[in-house]
Amino acid sequence: MKPFRFKQFDVQQSSEVFRVGTDAVLLGILSNVHQAKEILEVGTGTGIIALMLAQRNPEAKILAIDINTEAVKISQNNFSQSVFSPRLKSRLQDFKQSDTKEQFDLILSNPPYFEVSSSEKDILARQRLELDFSDLIQKASELLSAEGLFSVIIPIESEKQFTQLCNESLLFLQRKVIIKGIETAEPKRVVLEYCFRKSEAIIENFVIEKSPRVYSDEYLELTKDFHVFNKKAL
């Protein structure tokens, strides 16, 4: 399988690990990473999000965990081949069973979001078999620093349920980015950021393509340090 190439790093891929996708890129460019010194990514896959965050914040140290042995192997390789390798670590770990006492300034995840089905494709990455929303949120609330952020990208129809579960763990919505694939379409994804502080949430809108296969100006601006492409969508 061909690597996914960015300006400052390559992402090797595997048929056994969920491939580089738009959701990962969106979380990588939209997450509020600049104040974070210690970052935890849950379910790293190929490691693309961790690599993007390392590029965006040159002071951050990032621990990327996954329950899939092949994902840990390929993310470790991607990290070691990058200029950011001293600040990146990949670990085989079940997030639910994590017993670390470390606190993180940013915990983020592109979590499994499909209900269980008969499909075996990307079964751990796409289906809520090993890590459901409740498990993810509860553990994140335990490991998040007092001023830290918990950031996810999920289907927009799951937002209400996710926010309710976060509130039960005393995590409150601070920022919401509503994402449209095409300007004229209904939004399908949302990036959500939570913290322990109650405040009025900042609501933003983000469009990937202003017309079919033509990227929006905002998408081009945010990805200009990563992608090598013209204004037509790939």
Protein backbone atom coordinates (compact mmCIF):
# COMPACT_ATOMS: atom_id res chain seq x y z
CA MET A 1 0.00 0.00 0.00
CA LYS A 2 1.36 3.40 -0.99
CA PRO A 3 2.45 5.83 1.74
CA PHE A 4 0.47 9.02 2.30
CA ARG A 5 2.88 11.89 1.69
CA PHE A 6 2.92 15.21 3.50
CA LYS A 7 5.41 18.06 3.22
CA GLN A 8 7.41 17.14 6.34
CA PHE A 9 6.66 13.44 6.81
CA ASP A 10 5.32 10.30 5.15
CA VAL A 11 2.70 7.98 6.60
CA GLN A 12 3.20 4.33 5.74
CA GLN A 13 -0.08 2.42 5.63
CA SER A 14 -1.22 -1.17 6.06
CA SER A 15 -4.28 -3.16 5.04
CA GLU A 16 -4.59 -4.22 8.71
CA VAL A 17 -4.77 -0.65 10.05
CA PHE A 18 -7.41 1.97 9.30
CA ARG A 19 -5.99 4.08 6.50
CA VAL A 20 -5.39 7.83 6.46
CA GLY A 21 -8.75 9.54 6.09
CA THR A 22 -10.35 12.95 6.11
CA ASP A 23 -11.52 12.69 9.73
CA ALA A 24 -7.96 12.21 10.97
CA VAL A 25 -6.67 15.14 8.94
CA LEU A 26 -9.50 17.35 10.21
CA LEU A 27 -8.78 16.51 13.85
CA GLY A 28 -5.09 17.06 13.19
CA ILE A 29 -5.60 20.57 11.81
CA LEU A 30 -8.54 21.75 13.93
CA SER A 31 -7.52 20.64 17.44
CA ASN A 32 -6.38 23.36 19.80
CA VAL A 33 -2.85 22.13 20.39
CA HIS A 34 -0.74 25.23 20.96
CA GLN A 35 -0.88 25.33 24.78
CA ALA A 36 -0.41 21.59 25.27
CA LYS A 37 2.89 20.22 26.54
CA GLU A 38 1.81 16.63 27.21
CA ILE A 39 -0.57 15.04 24.69
CA LEU A 40 -2.28 11.64 24.60
CA GLU A 41 -3.83 10.27 21.41
CA VAL A 42 -6.20 7.34 21.90
CA GLY A 43 -6.39 4.94 18.96
CA THR A 44 -3.51 6.27 16.89
CA GLY A 45 -3.72 3.89 13.91
CA THR A 46 -0.98 4.94 11.48
CA GLY A 47 0.04 7.82 13.77
CA ILE A 48 -1.01 10.57 11.36
CA ILE A 49 -2.75 12.73 13.99
CA ALA A 50 0.18 12.55 16.40
CA LEU A 51 2.56 13.51 13.59
CA MET A 52 0.42 16.49 12.61
CA LEU A 53 0.24 17.69 16.21
CA ALA A 54 3.99 17.32 16.62
CA GLN A 55 4.49 19.52 13.56
CA ARG A 56 1.98 22.12 14.79
CA ASN A 57 3.43 22.33 18.32
CA PRO A 58 7.24 21.97 18.42
CA GLU A 59 7.24 21.76 22.24
CA ALA A 60 4.66 19.03 22.72
CA LYS A 61 5.49 15.48 23.77
CA ILE A 62 2.97 12.98 22.44
CA LEU A 63 2.05 9.50 23.63
CA ALA A 64 0.01 7.60 21.03
CA ILE A 65 -1.69 4.39 22.13
CA ASP A 66 -3.58 1.65 20.30
CA ILE A 67 -4.99 -1.77 21.08
CA ASN A 68 -3.98 -3.09 17.64
CA THR A 69 -0.47 -4.58 17.54
CA GLU A 70 -0.08 -3.82 13.83
CA ALA A 71 -1.11 -0.19 14.41
CA VAL A 72 1.53 0.22 17.09
CA LYS A 73 4.14 -1.31 14.81
CA ILE A 74 3.33 0.93 11.85
CA SER A 75 2.94 4.09 13.94
CA GLN A 76 6.29 3.42 15.64
CA ASN A 77 7.87 3.11 12.21
CA ASN A 78 6.23 6.31 10.99
CA PHE A 79 7.39 8.15 14.10
CA SER A 80 10.96 6.88 13.83
CA GLN A 81 11.20 8.03 10.21
CA SER A 82 10.05 11.57 11.02
CA VAL A 83 12.00 14.60 12.24
CA PHE A 84 9.66 14.67 15.24
CA SER A 85 10.65 11.21 16.51
CA PRO A 86 12.27 12.38 19.82
CA ARG A 87 8.90 13.73 20.94
CA LEU A 88 6.71 10.84 19.80
CA LYS A 89 6.04 7.51 21.48
CA SER A 90 3.69 4.71 20.41
CA ARG A 91 2.50 2.14 22.92
CA LEU A 92 0.35 -1.01 22.80
CA GLN A 93 -2.27 -0.29 25.42
CA ASP A 94 -5.95 -0.75 26.20
CA PHE A 95 -7.10 2.74 27.18
CA LYS A 96 -9.75 1.35 29.52
CA GLN A 97 -7.09 -0.51 31.50
CA SER A 98 -4.57 2.33 31.64
CA ASP A 99 -3.17 2.76 35.15
CA THR A 100 -0.84 5.68 34.46
CA LYS A 101 -0.77 8.52 36.97
CA GLU A 102 0.35 10.96 34.28
CA GLN A 103 -1.88 13.92 33.46
CA PHE A 104 -2.26 15.28 29.93
CA ASP A 105 -2.95 18.80 28.66
CA LEU A 106 -4.68 17.43 25.58
CA ILE A 107 -6.37 14.06 25.10
CA LEU A 108 -7.79 13.47 21.66
CA SER A 109 -9.30 10.67 19.64
CA ASN A 110 -10.94 9.84 16.34
CA PRO A 111 -13.01 7.19 18.12
CA PRO A 112 -14.93 4.16 16.84
CA TYR A 113 -18.42 5.32 16.05
CA PHE A 114 -20.36 2.57 14.28
CA GLU A 115 -22.56 0.15 16.17
CA VAL A 116 -21.50 -3.50 15.90
CA SER A 117 -22.17 -5.00 12.47
CA SER A 118 -21.19 -8.10 10.54
CA SER A 119 -18.44 -6.28 8.63
CA GLU A 120 -14.89 -7.33 9.43
CA LYS A 121 -13.25 -4.38 7.65
CA ASP A 122 -11.37 -2.13 10.09
CA ILE A 123 -13.37 -3.79 12.83
CA LEU A 124 -11.54 -2.30 15.83
CA ALA A 125 -11.10 1.13 14.30
CA ARG A 126 -14.66 1.61 13.04
CA GLN A 127 -16.87 -0.33 15.46
CA ARG A 128 -17.46 0.18 19.17
CA LEU A 129 -16.29 -3.25 20.27
CA GLU A 130 -13.30 -2.43 22.46
CA LEU A 131 -13.91 1.24 23.33
CA ASP A 132 -17.35 2.84 23.46
CA PHE A 133 -18.05 6.51 24.09
CA SER A 134 -18.65 5.99 27.84
CA ASP A 135 -15.33 4.20 28.34
CA LEU A 136 -13.44 6.82 26.34
CA ILE A 137 -14.96 9.77 28.20
CA GLN A 138 -14.65 8.31 31.69
CA LYS A 139 -10.98 7.46 31.28
CA ALA A 140 -10.21 10.76 29.57
CA SER A 141 -11.71 12.64 32.53
CA GLU A 142 -9.36 10.77 34.87
CA LEU A 143 -6.21 11.54 32.89
CA LEU A 144 -6.96 15.11 31.82
CA SER A 145 -5.12 17.91 33.61
CA ALA A 146 -7.15 20.58 35.41
CA GLU A 147 -6.82 23.03 32.51
CA GLY A 148 -6.64 20.40 29.78
CA LEU A 149 -8.76 19.80 26.69
CA PHE A 150 -10.47 16.64 25.50
CA SER A 151 -10.98 16.71 21.72
CA VAL A 152 -12.78 14.31 19.37
CA ILE A 153 -14.23 14.12 15.89
CA ILE A 154 -17.52 12.22 15.61
CA PRO A 155 -20.64 12.06 13.41
CA ILE A 156 -22.82 15.09 14.07
CA GLU A 157 -25.79 12.91 15.00
CA SER A 158 -23.79 11.54 17.95
CA GLU A 159 -23.03 14.97 19.40
CA LYS A 160 -25.96 15.16 21.85
CA GLN A 161 -25.24 11.73 23.35
CA PHE A 162 -21.50 12.42 23.54
CA THR A 163 -21.95 15.79 25.25
CA GLN A 164 -24.39 14.32 27.76
CA LEU A 165 -21.89 11.60 28.69
CA CYS A 166 -19.14 14.21 29.01
CA ASN A 167 -21.31 16.31 31.34
CA GLU A 168 -21.78 13.27 33.57
CA SER A 169 -17.97 13.17 33.90
CA LEU A 170 -17.88 16.94 34.60
CA LEU A 171 -16.52 17.73 31.16
CA PHE A 172 -18.21 20.67 29.46
CA LEU A 173 -18.30 21.72 25.83
CA GLN A 174 -15.93 24.59 25.14
CA ARG A 175 -15.73 24.58 21.34
CA LYS A 176 -17.64 22.99 18.48
CA VAL A 177 -16.59 22.96 14.83
CA ILE A 178 -19.41 21.91 12.49
CA ILE A 179 -17.97 20.35 9.35
CA LYS A 180 -19.49 20.21 5.90
CA GLY A 181 -17.95 18.08 3.17
CA ILE A 182 -19.36 20.42 0.51
CA GLU A 183 -20.69 23.91 1.17
CA THR A 184 -24.21 23.10 -0.04
CA ALA A 185 -24.48 19.79 1.85
CA GLU A 186 -25.67 19.01 5.35
CA PRO A 187 -22.89 18.68 7.95
CA LYS A 188 -21.81 15.13 8.75
CA ARG A 189 -18.97 15.54 11.25
CA VAL A 190 -18.23 17.72 14.24
CA VAL A 191 -15.04 18.40 16.19
CA LEU A 192 -15.82 18.83 19.89
CA GLU A 193 -13.55 20.15 22.64
CA TYR A 194 -14.36 19.73 26.33
CA CYS A 195 -12.79 20.92 29.56
CA PHE A 196 -13.60 20.97 33.29
CA ARG A 197 -14.66 24.62 33.12
CA LYS A 198 -18.22 25.67 32.37
CA SER A 199 -18.44 28.43 29.76
CA GLU A 200 -20.40 29.38 26.68
CA ALA A 201 -19.17 27.17 23.86
CA ILE A 202 -17.52 28.71 20.80
CA ILE A 203 -19.34 27.55 17.65
CA GLU A 204 -17.46 27.47 14.33
CA ASN A 205 -18.29 26.25 10.84
CA PHE A 206 -15.83 24.60 8.50
CA VAL A 207 -16.26 23.66 4.84
CA ILE A 208 -13.91 21.21 3.11
CA GLU A 209 -14.98 21.77 -0.51
CA LYS A 210 -16.71 24.89 -1.87
CA SER A 211 -17.81 22.84 -4.89
CA PRO A 212 -17.22 19.21 -5.91
CA ARG A 213 -13.48 18.48 -5.98
CA VAL A 214 -12.53 22.11 -5.33
CA TYR A 215 -11.17 22.77 -1.84
CA SER A 216 -12.39 25.72 0.18
CA ASP A 217 -10.02 28.56 0.98
CA GLU A 218 -10.19 27.75 4.70
CA TYR A 219 -9.25 24.12 4.12
CA LEU A 220 -6.33 25.12 1.90
CA GLU A 221 -5.14 27.63 4.48
CA LEU A 222 -5.19 25.18 7.40
CA THR A 223 -3.55 22.36 5.44
CA LYS A 224 -0.98 24.44 3.55
CA ASP A 225 1.86 23.27 5.82
CA PHE A 226 0.89 19.61 5.31
CA HIS A 227 -0.60 18.79 1.92
CA VAL A 228 1.10 19.11 -1.43
CA PHE A 229 -1.77 19.75 -3.82
CA ASN A 230 -3.51 22.28 -6.03
CA LYS A 231 -6.95 23.71 -5.34
CA LYS A 232 -8.74 20.70 -6.76
CA ALA A 233 -9.64 18.01 -4.23
CA LEU A 234 -7.84 14.74 -4.49
